[in-house]
């Protein structure tokens, strides 16, 4: 049994600074969002902060941006998903 996942062993360490910046950016967006959703749901805002790590872990396990290349959509383009291409 291997304790280190395969994708982690193949991780490109040159991507670490960019991934760290992306992580801090997502954190800065998620904290107010989690608090706002908890307030909308009518529960204490702390509950939104308690649940936030579950969402982060879920995305870390199930989501990946390593094989996507997206460009910034034009101002008139509303279908940004059409601009994302899988990696070769």
PDB file of N, CA and C in Angstrom:
ATOM      1  N   UNK A   1       0.848  -1.179   0.000  1.00  0.00           N
ATOM      2  CA  UNK A   1       0.000   0.000   0.000  1.00  0.00           C
ATOM      3  C   UNK A   1       0.896   1.246   0.000  1.00  0.00           C
ATOM      4  N   UNK A   2       0.622   2.129  -0.925  1.00  0.00           N
ATOM      5  CA  UNK A   2       1.407   3.350  -1.016  1.00  0.00           C
ATOM      6  C   UNK A   2       0.637   4.499  -0.361  1.00  0.00           C
ATOM      7  N   UNK A   3       1.330   5.219   0.485  1.00  0.00           N
ATOM      8  CA  UNK A   3       0.677   6.306   1.201  1.00  0.00           C
ATOM      9  C   UNK A   3       0.661   7.604   0.398  1.00  0.00           C
ATOM     10  N   UNK A   4       1.571   7.761  -0.553  1.00  0.00           N
ATOM     11  CA  UNK A   4       1.625   8.968  -1.373  1.00  0.00           C
ATOM     12  C   UNK A   4       0.899   8.702  -2.687  1.00  0.00           C
ATOM     13  N   UNK A   5      -0.122   9.519  -3.001  1.00  0.00           N
ATOM     14  CA  UNK A   5      -0.859   9.298  -4.253  1.00  0.00           C
ATOM     15  C   UNK A   5       0.055   9.438  -5.474  1.00  0.00           C
ATOM     16  N   UNK A   6      -0.324   8.773  -6.548  1.00  0.00           N
ATOM     17  CA  UNK A   6       0.466   8.785  -7.781  1.00  0.00           C
ATOM     18  C   UNK A   6       0.620  10.188  -8.336  1.00  0.00           C
ATOM     19  N   UNK A   7      -0.458  10.968  -8.323  1.00  0.00           N
ATOM     20  CA  UNK A   7      -0.388  12.306  -8.885  1.00  0.00           C
ATOM     21  C   UNK A   7       0.572  13.190  -8.093  1.00  0.00           C
ATOM     22  N   UNK A   8       0.721  12.938  -6.794  1.00  0.00           N
ATOM     23  CA  UNK A   8       1.631  13.746  -5.987  1.00  0.00           C
ATOM     24  C   UNK A   8       3.083  13.395  -6.290  1.00  0.00           C
ATOM     25  N   UNK A   9       3.345  12.138  -6.585  1.00  0.00           N
ATOM     26  CA  UNK A   9       4.709  11.746  -6.946  1.00  0.00           C
ATOM     27  C   UNK A   9       5.117  12.343  -8.287  1.00  0.00           C
ATOM     28  N   UNK A  10       4.169  12.580  -9.180  1.00  0.00           N
ATOM     29  CA  UNK A  10       4.460  13.139 -10.492  1.00  0.00           C
ATOM     30  C   UNK A  10       4.319  14.655 -10.534  1.00  0.00           C
ATOM     31  N   UNK A  11       4.083  15.286  -9.396  1.00  0.00           N
ATOM     32  CA  UNK A  11       3.835  16.729  -9.352  1.00  0.00           C
ATOM     33  C   UNK A  11       5.080  17.504  -9.782  1.00  0.00           C
ATOM     34  N   UNK A  12       4.887  18.482 -10.646  1.00  0.00           N
ATOM     35  CA  UNK A  12       5.966  19.336 -11.125  1.00  0.00           C
ATOM     36  C   UNK A  12       6.208  20.436 -10.094  1.00  0.00           C
ATOM     37  N   UNK A  13       7.350  20.414  -9.437  1.00  0.00           N
ATOM     38  CA  UNK A  13       7.635  21.360  -8.359  1.00  0.00           C
ATOM     39  C   UNK A  13       7.782  22.795  -8.858  1.00  0.00           C
ATOM     40  N   UNK A  14       7.976  22.972 -10.134  1.00  0.00           N
ATOM     41  CA  UNK A  14       8.049  24.329 -10.680  1.00  0.00           C
ATOM     42  C   UNK A  14       6.685  25.007 -10.633  1.00  0.00           C
ATOM     43  N   UNK A  15       5.630  24.231 -10.527  1.00  0.00           N
ATOM     44  CA  UNK A  15       4.279  24.781 -10.447  1.00  0.00           C
ATOM     45  C   UNK A  15       3.908  25.216  -9.036  1.00  0.00           C
ATOM     46  N   UNK A  16       4.737  24.908  -8.057  1.00  0.00           N
ATOM     47  CA  UNK A  16       4.399  25.185  -6.659  1.00  0.00           C
ATOM     48  C   UNK A  16       4.149  26.666  -6.377  1.00  0.00           C
ATOM     49  N   UNK A  17       4.992  27.610  -6.819  1.00  0.00           N
ATOM     50  CA  UNK A  17       4.690  29.016  -6.526  1.00  0.00           C
ATOM     51  C   UNK A  17       3.352  29.479  -7.103  1.00  0.00           C
ATOM     52  N   UNK A  18       3.063  29.091  -8.332  1.00  0.00           N
ATOM     53  CA  UNK A  18       1.789  29.476  -8.945  1.00  0.00           C
ATOM     54  C   UNK A  18       0.616  28.823  -8.224  1.00  0.00           C
ATOM     55  N   UNK A  19       0.778  27.554  -7.828  1.00  0.00           N
ATOM     56  CA  UNK A  19      -0.285  26.869  -7.097  1.00  0.00           C
ATOM     57  C   UNK A  19      -0.502  27.490  -5.723  1.00  0.00           C
ATOM     58  N   UNK A  20       0.571  27.941  -5.072  1.00  0.00           N
ATOM     59  CA  UNK A  20       0.441  28.591  -3.765  1.00  0.00           C
ATOM     60  C   UNK A  20      -0.301  29.921  -3.889  1.00  0.00           C
ATOM     61  N   UNK A  21       0.019  30.698  -4.922  1.00  0.00           N
ATOM     62  CA  UNK A  21      -0.682  31.961  -5.153  1.00  0.00           C
ATOM     63  C   UNK A  21      -2.155  31.697  -5.448  1.00  0.00           C
ATOM     64  N   UNK A  22      -2.428  30.674  -6.251  1.00  0.00           N
ATOM     65  CA  UNK A  22      -3.819  30.320  -6.550  1.00  0.00           C
ATOM     66  C   UNK A  22      -4.556  29.895  -5.282  1.00  0.00           C
ATOM     67  N   UNK A  23      -3.883  29.156  -4.419  1.00  0.00           N
ATOM     68  CA  UNK A  23      -4.506  28.723  -3.165  1.00  0.00           C
ATOM     69  C   UNK A  23      -4.855  29.887  -2.261  1.00  0.00           C
ATOM     70  N   UNK A  24      -3.957  30.847  -2.136  1.00  0.00           N
ATOM     71  CA  UNK A  24      -4.224  32.030  -1.309  1.00  0.00           C
ATOM     72  C   UNK A  24      -5.353  32.863  -1.913  1.00  0.00           C
ATOM     73  N   UNK A  25      -5.382  32.956  -3.219  1.00  0.00           N
ATOM     74  CA  UNK A  25      -6.446  33.699  -3.887  1.00  0.00           C
ATOM     75  C   UNK A  25      -7.803  33.047  -3.644  1.00  0.00           C
ATOM     76  N   UNK A  26      -7.860  31.746  -3.788  1.00  0.00           N
ATOM     77  CA  UNK A  26      -9.116  31.027  -3.547  1.00  0.00           C
ATOM     78  C   UNK A  26      -9.548  31.166  -2.095  1.00  0.00           C
ATOM     79  N   UNK A  27      -8.586  31.093  -1.170  1.00  0.00           N
ATOM     80  CA  UNK A  27      -8.911  31.263   0.243  1.00  0.00           C
ATOM     81  C   UNK A  27      -9.521  32.646   0.485  1.00  0.00           C
ATOM     82  N   UNK A  28      -8.928  33.678  -0.128  1.00  0.00           N
ATOM     83  CA  UNK A  28      -9.423  35.045   0.056  1.00  0.00           C
ATOM     84  C   UNK A  28     -10.842  35.204  -0.483  1.00  0.00           C
ATOM     85  N   UNK A  29     -11.208  34.421  -1.486  1.00  0.00           N
ATOM     86  CA  UNK A  29     -12.561  34.476  -2.024  1.00  0.00           C
ATOM     87  C   UNK A  29     -13.533  33.597  -1.241  1.00  0.00           C
ATOM     88  N   UNK A  30     -13.042  32.469  -0.736  1.00  0.00           N
ATOM     89  CA  UNK A  30     -13.934  31.507  -0.078  1.00  0.00           C
ATOM     90  C   UNK A  30     -14.378  31.926   1.311  1.00  0.00           C
ATOM     91  N   UNK A  31     -13.530  32.610   2.053  1.00  0.00           N
ATOM     92  CA  UNK A  31     -13.898  32.985   3.423  1.00  0.00           C
ATOM     93  C   UNK A  31     -15.138  33.881   3.437  1.00  0.00           C
ATOM     94  N   UNK A  32     -15.160  34.997   2.707  1.00  0.00           N
ATOM     95  CA  UNK A  32     -16.388  35.795   2.729  1.00  0.00           C
ATOM     96  C   UNK A  32     -17.586  35.076   2.114  1.00  0.00           C
ATOM     97  N   UNK A  33     -17.322  34.250   1.095  1.00  0.00           N
ATOM     98  CA  UNK A  33     -18.420  33.521   0.473  1.00  0.00           C
ATOM     99  C   UNK A  33     -19.028  32.515   1.451  1.00  0.00           C
ATOM    100  N   UNK A  34     -18.205  31.801   2.183  1.00  0.00           N
ATOM    101  CA  UNK A  34     -18.703  30.827   3.156  1.00  0.00           C
ATOM    102  C   UNK A  34     -19.503  31.520   4.251  1.00  0.00           C
ATOM    103  N   UNK A  35     -19.022  32.665   4.688  1.00  0.00           N
ATOM    104  CA  UNK A  35     -19.746  33.404   5.718  1.00  0.00           C
ATOM    105  C   UNK A  35     -21.085  33.927   5.189  1.00  0.00           C
ATOM    106  N   UNK A  36     -21.087  34.382   3.944  1.00  0.00           N
ATOM    107  CA  UNK A  36     -22.326  34.895   3.361  1.00  0.00           C
ATOM    108  C   UNK A  36     -23.354  33.788   3.170  1.00  0.00           C
ATOM    109  N   UNK A  37     -22.928  32.634   2.666  1.00  0.00           N
ATOM    110  CA  UNK A  37     -23.876  31.526   2.479  1.00  0.00           C
ATOM    111  C   UNK A  37     -24.437  31.044   3.805  1.00  0.00           C
ATOM    112  N   UNK A  38     -23.616  31.028   4.843  1.00  0.00           N
ATOM    113  CA  UNK A  38     -24.123  30.636   6.155  1.00  0.00           C
ATOM    114  C   UNK A  38     -25.156  31.648   6.644  1.00  0.00           C
ATOM    115  N   UNK A  39     -24.891  32.936   6.426  1.00  0.00           N
ATOM    116  CA  UNK A  39     -25.854  33.957   6.825  1.00  0.00           C
ATOM    117  C   UNK A  39     -27.154  33.839   6.066  1.00  0.00           C
ATOM    118  N   UNK A  40     -27.064  33.535   4.756  1.00  0.00           N
ATOM    119  CA  UNK A  40     -28.279  33.352   3.947  1.00  0.00           C
ATOM    120  C   UNK A  40     -29.062  32.139   4.430  1.00  0.00           C
ATOM    121  N   UNK A  41     -28.352  31.092   4.833  1.00  0.00           N
ATOM    122  CA  UNK A  41     -29.013  29.874   5.303  1.00  0.00           C
ATOM    123  C   UNK A  41     -29.615  30.041   6.690  1.00  0.00           C
ATOM    124  N   UNK A  42     -29.256  31.128   7.372  1.00  0.00           N
ATOM    125  CA  UNK A  42     -29.833  31.370   8.687  1.00  0.00           C
ATOM    126  C   UNK A  42     -29.107  30.657   9.812  1.00  0.00           C
ATOM    127  N   UNK A  43     -27.890  30.231   9.567  1.00  0.00           N
ATOM    128  CA  UNK A  43     -27.083  29.599  10.614  1.00  0.00           C
ATOM    129  C   UNK A  43     -25.949  30.555  10.975  1.00  0.00           C
ATOM    130  N   UNK A  44     -25.307  30.356  12.114  1.00  0.00           N
ATOM    131  CA  UNK A  44     -24.192  31.241  12.461  1.00  0.00           C
ATOM    132  C   UNK A  44     -23.098  31.201  11.390  1.00  0.00           C
ATOM    133  N   UNK A  45     -22.467  32.360  11.169  1.00  0.00           N
ATOM    134  CA  UNK A  45     -21.472  32.443  10.109  1.00  0.00           C
ATOM    135  C   UNK A  45     -20.279  31.523  10.360  1.00  0.00           C
ATOM    136  N   UNK A  46     -20.040  31.164  11.612  1.00  0.00           N
ATOM    137  CA  UNK A  46     -18.940  30.248  11.916  1.00  0.00           C
ATOM    138  C   UNK A  46     -19.160  28.896  11.251  1.00  0.00           C
ATOM    139  N   UNK A  47     -20.412  28.499  11.093  1.00  0.00           N
ATOM    140  CA  UNK A  47     -20.695  27.208  10.450  1.00  0.00           C
ATOM    141  C   UNK A  47     -20.189  27.184   9.017  1.00  0.00           C
ATOM    142  N   UNK A  48     -20.294  28.297   8.322  1.00  0.00           N
ATOM    143  CA  UNK A  48     -19.763  28.367   6.963  1.00  0.00           C
ATOM    144  C   UNK A  48     -18.263  28.180   6.945  1.00  0.00           C
ATOM    145  N   UNK A  49     -17.576  28.727   7.946  1.00  0.00           N
ATOM    146  CA  UNK A  49     -16.123  28.559   8.024  1.00  0.00           C
ATOM    147  C   UNK A  49     -15.741  27.133   8.403  1.00  0.00           C
ATOM    148  N   UNK A  50     -16.573  26.485   9.209  1.00  0.00           N
ATOM    149  CA  UNK A  50     -16.288  25.096   9.593  1.00  0.00           C
ATOM    150  C   UNK A  50     -16.440  24.148   8.408  1.00  0.00           C
ATOM    151  N   UNK A  51     -17.374  24.429   7.511  1.00  0.00           N
ATOM    152  CA  UNK A  51     -17.640  23.553   6.369  1.00  0.00           C
ATOM    153  C   UNK A  51     -16.682  23.824   5.216  1.00  0.00           C
ATOM    154  N   UNK A  52     -16.099  25.006   5.170  1.00  0.00           N
ATOM    155  CA  UNK A  52     -15.220  25.386   4.066  1.00  0.00           C
ATOM    156  C   UNK A  52     -14.080  24.402   3.820  1.00  0.00           C
ATOM    157  N   UNK A  53     -13.378  23.893   4.841  1.00  0.00           N
ATOM    158  CA  UNK A  53     -12.298  22.932   4.560  1.00  0.00           C
ATOM    159  C   UNK A  53     -12.780  21.660   3.859  1.00  0.00           C
ATOM    160  N   UNK A  54     -14.011  21.253   4.116  1.00  0.00           N
ATOM    161  CA  UNK A  54     -14.543  20.075   3.430  1.00  0.00           C
ATOM    162  C   UNK A  54     -14.642  20.321   1.926  1.00  0.00           C
ATOM    163  N   UNK A  55     -15.052  21.514   1.543  1.00  0.00           N
ATOM    164  CA  UNK A  55     -15.134  21.852   0.127  1.00  0.00           C
ATOM    165  C   UNK A  55     -13.743  21.888  -0.504  1.00  0.00           C
ATOM    166  N   UNK A  56     -12.776  22.409   0.221  1.00  0.00           N
ATOM    167  CA  UNK A  56     -11.414  22.488  -0.299  1.00  0.00           C
ATOM    168  C   UNK A  56     -10.829  21.092  -0.485  1.00  0.00           C
ATOM    169  N   UNK A  57     -11.013  20.232   0.495  1.00  0.00           N
ATOM    170  CA  UNK A  57     -10.503  18.864   0.391  1.00  0.00           C
ATOM    171  C   UNK A  57     -11.208  18.120  -0.739  1.00  0.00           C
ATOM    172  N   UNK A  58     -12.516  18.326  -0.862  1.00  0.00           N
ATOM    173  CA  UNK A  58     -13.252  17.688  -1.948  1.00  0.00           C
ATOM    174  C   UNK A  58     -12.740  18.113  -3.310  1.00  0.00           C
ATOM    175  N   UNK A  59     -12.462  19.401  -3.469  1.00  0.00           N
ATOM    176  CA  UNK A  59     -11.928  19.859  -4.748  1.00  0.00           C
ATOM    177  C   UNK A  59     -10.509  19.340  -4.977  1.00  0.00           C
ATOM    178  N   UNK A  60      -9.711  19.302  -3.920  1.00  0.00           N
ATOM    179  CA  UNK A  60      -8.333  18.819  -4.065  1.00  0.00           C
ATOM    180  C   UNK A  60      -8.309  17.361  -4.502  1.00  0.00           C
ATOM    181  N   UNK A  61      -9.271  16.577  -4.030  1.00  0.00           N
ATOM    182  CA  UNK A  61      -9.311  15.163  -4.397  1.00  0.00           C
ATOM    183  C   UNK A  61      -9.959  14.918  -5.757  1.00  0.00           C
ATOM    184  N   UNK A  62     -10.965  15.703  -6.091  1.00  0.00           N
ATOM    185  CA  UNK A  62     -11.754  15.414  -7.285  1.00  0.00           C
ATOM    186  C   UNK A  62     -11.502  16.355  -8.458  1.00  0.00           C
ATOM    187  N   UNK A  63     -10.979  17.535  -8.195  1.00  0.00           N
ATOM    188  CA  UNK A  63     -10.792  18.509  -9.255  1.00  0.00           C
ATOM    189  C   UNK A  63      -9.325  18.726  -9.556  1.00  0.00           C
ATOM    190  N   UNK A  64      -9.056  19.180 -10.742  1.00  0.00           N
ATOM    191  CA  UNK A  64      -7.680  19.459 -11.125  1.00  0.00           C
ATOM    192  C   UNK A  64      -7.676  20.487 -12.227  1.00  0.00           C
ATOM    193  N   UNK A  65      -6.712  21.383 -12.182  1.00  0.00           N
ATOM    194  CA  UNK A  65      -6.567  22.356 -13.250  1.00  0.00           C
ATOM    195  C   UNK A  65      -5.267  22.126 -14.006  1.00  0.00           C
ATOM    196  N   UNK A  66      -4.598  21.027 -13.759  1.00  0.00           N
ATOM    197  CA  UNK A  66      -3.319  20.751 -14.391  1.00  0.00           C
ATOM    198  C   UNK A  66      -3.462  20.518 -15.895  1.00  0.00           C
ATOM    199  N   UNK A  67      -4.581  19.997 -16.333  1.00  0.00           N
ATOM    200  CA  UNK A  67      -4.740  19.671 -17.752  1.00  0.00           C
ATOM    201  C   UNK A  67      -5.781  20.555 -18.416  1.00  0.00           C
ATOM    202  N   UNK A  68      -5.771  21.819 -18.072  1.00  0.00           N
ATOM    203  CA  UNK A  68      -6.666  22.766 -18.732  1.00  0.00           C
ATOM    204  C   UNK A  68      -5.873  23.998 -19.113  1.00  0.00           C
ATOM    205  N   UNK A  69      -6.192  24.517 -20.279  1.00  0.00           N
ATOM    206  CA  UNK A  69      -5.591  25.772 -20.709  1.00  0.00           C
ATOM    207  C   UNK A  69      -6.727  26.681 -21.121  1.00  0.00           C
ATOM    208  N   UNK A  70      -6.945  27.720 -20.353  1.00  0.00           N
ATOM    209  CA  UNK A  70      -8.045  28.632 -20.630  1.00  0.00           C
ATOM    210  C   UNK A  70      -7.501  30.021 -20.905  1.00  0.00           C
ATOM    211  N   UNK A  71      -8.101  30.672 -21.856  1.00  0.00           N
ATOM    212  CA  UNK A  71      -7.744  32.057 -22.122  1.00  0.00           C
ATOM    213  C   UNK A  71      -8.843  32.949 -21.569  1.00  0.00           C
ATOM    214  N   UNK A  72      -8.515  34.197 -21.366  1.00  0.00           N
ATOM    215  CA  UNK A  72      -9.506  35.146 -20.870  1.00  0.00           C
ATOM    216  C   UNK A  72     -10.501  35.412 -21.992  1.00  0.00           C
ATOM    217  N   UNK A  73     -11.782  35.243 -21.720  1.00  0.00           N
ATOM    218  CA  UNK A  73     -12.769  35.437 -22.789  1.00  0.00           C
ATOM    219  C   UNK A  73     -12.880  36.899 -23.192  1.00  0.00           C
ATOM    220  N   UNK A  74     -13.297  37.100 -24.432  1.00  0.00           N
ATOM    221  CA  UNK A  74     -13.544  38.448 -24.918  1.00  0.00           C
ATOM    222  C   UNK A  74     -14.693  39.069 -24.137  1.00  0.00           C
ATOM    223  N   UNK A  75     -14.789  40.375 -24.231  1.00  0.00           N
ATOM    224  CA  UNK A  75     -15.830  41.076 -23.479  1.00  0.00           C
ATOM    225  C   UNK A  75     -17.224  40.627 -23.915  1.00  0.00           C
ATOM    226  N   UNK A  76     -17.396  40.367 -25.191  1.00  0.00           N
ATOM    227  CA  UNK A  76     -18.708  39.983 -25.710  1.00  0.00           C
ATOM    228  C   UNK A  76     -18.960  38.482 -25.617  1.00  0.00           C
ATOM    229  N   UNK A  77     -17.937  37.734 -25.271  1.00  0.00           N
ATOM    230  CA  UNK A  77     -18.087  36.276 -25.220  1.00  0.00           C
ATOM    231  C   UNK A  77     -18.580  35.859 -23.845  1.00  0.00           C
ATOM    232  N   UNK A  78     -19.752  35.260 -23.790  1.00  0.00           N
ATOM    233  CA  UNK A  78     -20.296  34.826 -22.508  1.00  0.00           C
ATOM    234  C   UNK A  78     -20.065  33.342 -22.262  1.00  0.00           C
ATOM    235  N   UNK A  79     -19.643  32.609 -23.265  1.00  0.00           N
ATOM    236  CA  UNK A  79     -19.412  31.164 -23.118  1.00  0.00           C
ATOM    237  C   UNK A  79     -17.920  30.926 -22.901  1.00  0.00           C
ATOM    238  N   UNK A  80     -17.439  31.204 -21.712  1.00  0.00           N
ATOM    239  CA  UNK A  80     -16.015  31.052 -21.417  1.00  0.00           C
ATOM    240  C   UNK A  80     -15.590  29.586 -21.456  1.00  0.00           C
ATOM    241  N   UNK A  81     -16.517  28.682 -21.209  1.00  0.00           N
ATOM    242  CA  UNK A  81     -16.182  27.263 -21.206  1.00  0.00           C
ATOM    243  C   UNK A  81     -15.751  26.786 -22.592  1.00  0.00           C
ATOM    244  N   UNK A  82     -16.206  27.446 -23.633  1.00  0.00           N
ATOM    245  CA  UNK A  82     -15.812  27.062 -24.988  1.00  0.00           C
ATOM    246  C   UNK A  82     -14.350  27.344 -25.255  1.00  0.00           C
ATOM    247  N   UNK A  83     -13.739  28.216 -24.459  1.00  0.00           N
ATOM    248  CA  UNK A  83     -12.361  28.606 -24.676  1.00  0.00           C
ATOM    249  C   UNK A  83     -11.387  27.694 -23.960  1.00  0.00           C
ATOM    250  N   UNK A  84     -11.872  26.785 -23.129  1.00  0.00           N
ATOM    251  CA  UNK A  84     -11.003  25.861 -22.399  1.00  0.00           C
ATOM    252  C   UNK A  84     -10.728  24.633 -23.249  1.00  0.00           C
ATOM    253  N   UNK A  85      -9.459  24.296 -23.364  1.00  0.00           N
ATOM    254  CA  UNK A  85      -9.057  23.148 -24.165  1.00  0.00           C
ATOM    255  C   UNK A  85      -8.294  22.156 -23.295  1.00  0.00           C
ATOM    256  N   UNK A  86      -8.513  20.863 -23.477  1.00  0.00           N
ATOM    257  CA  UNK A  86      -7.733  19.894 -22.709  1.00  0.00           C
ATOM    258  C   UNK A  86      -6.271  19.888 -23.178  1.00  0.00           C
ATOM    259  N   UNK A  87      -5.383  19.509 -22.274  1.00  0.00           N
ATOM    260  CA  UNK A  87      -3.968  19.440 -22.629  1.00  0.00           C
ATOM    261  C   UNK A  87      -3.713  18.260 -23.557  1.00  0.00           C
ATOM    262  N   UNK A  88      -2.705  18.387 -24.365  1.00  0.00           N
ATOM    263  CA  UNK A  88      -2.355  17.310 -25.303  1.00  0.00           C
ATOM    264  C   UNK A  88      -1.588  16.239 -24.584  1.00  0.00           C
TER     265      UNK A  88
END
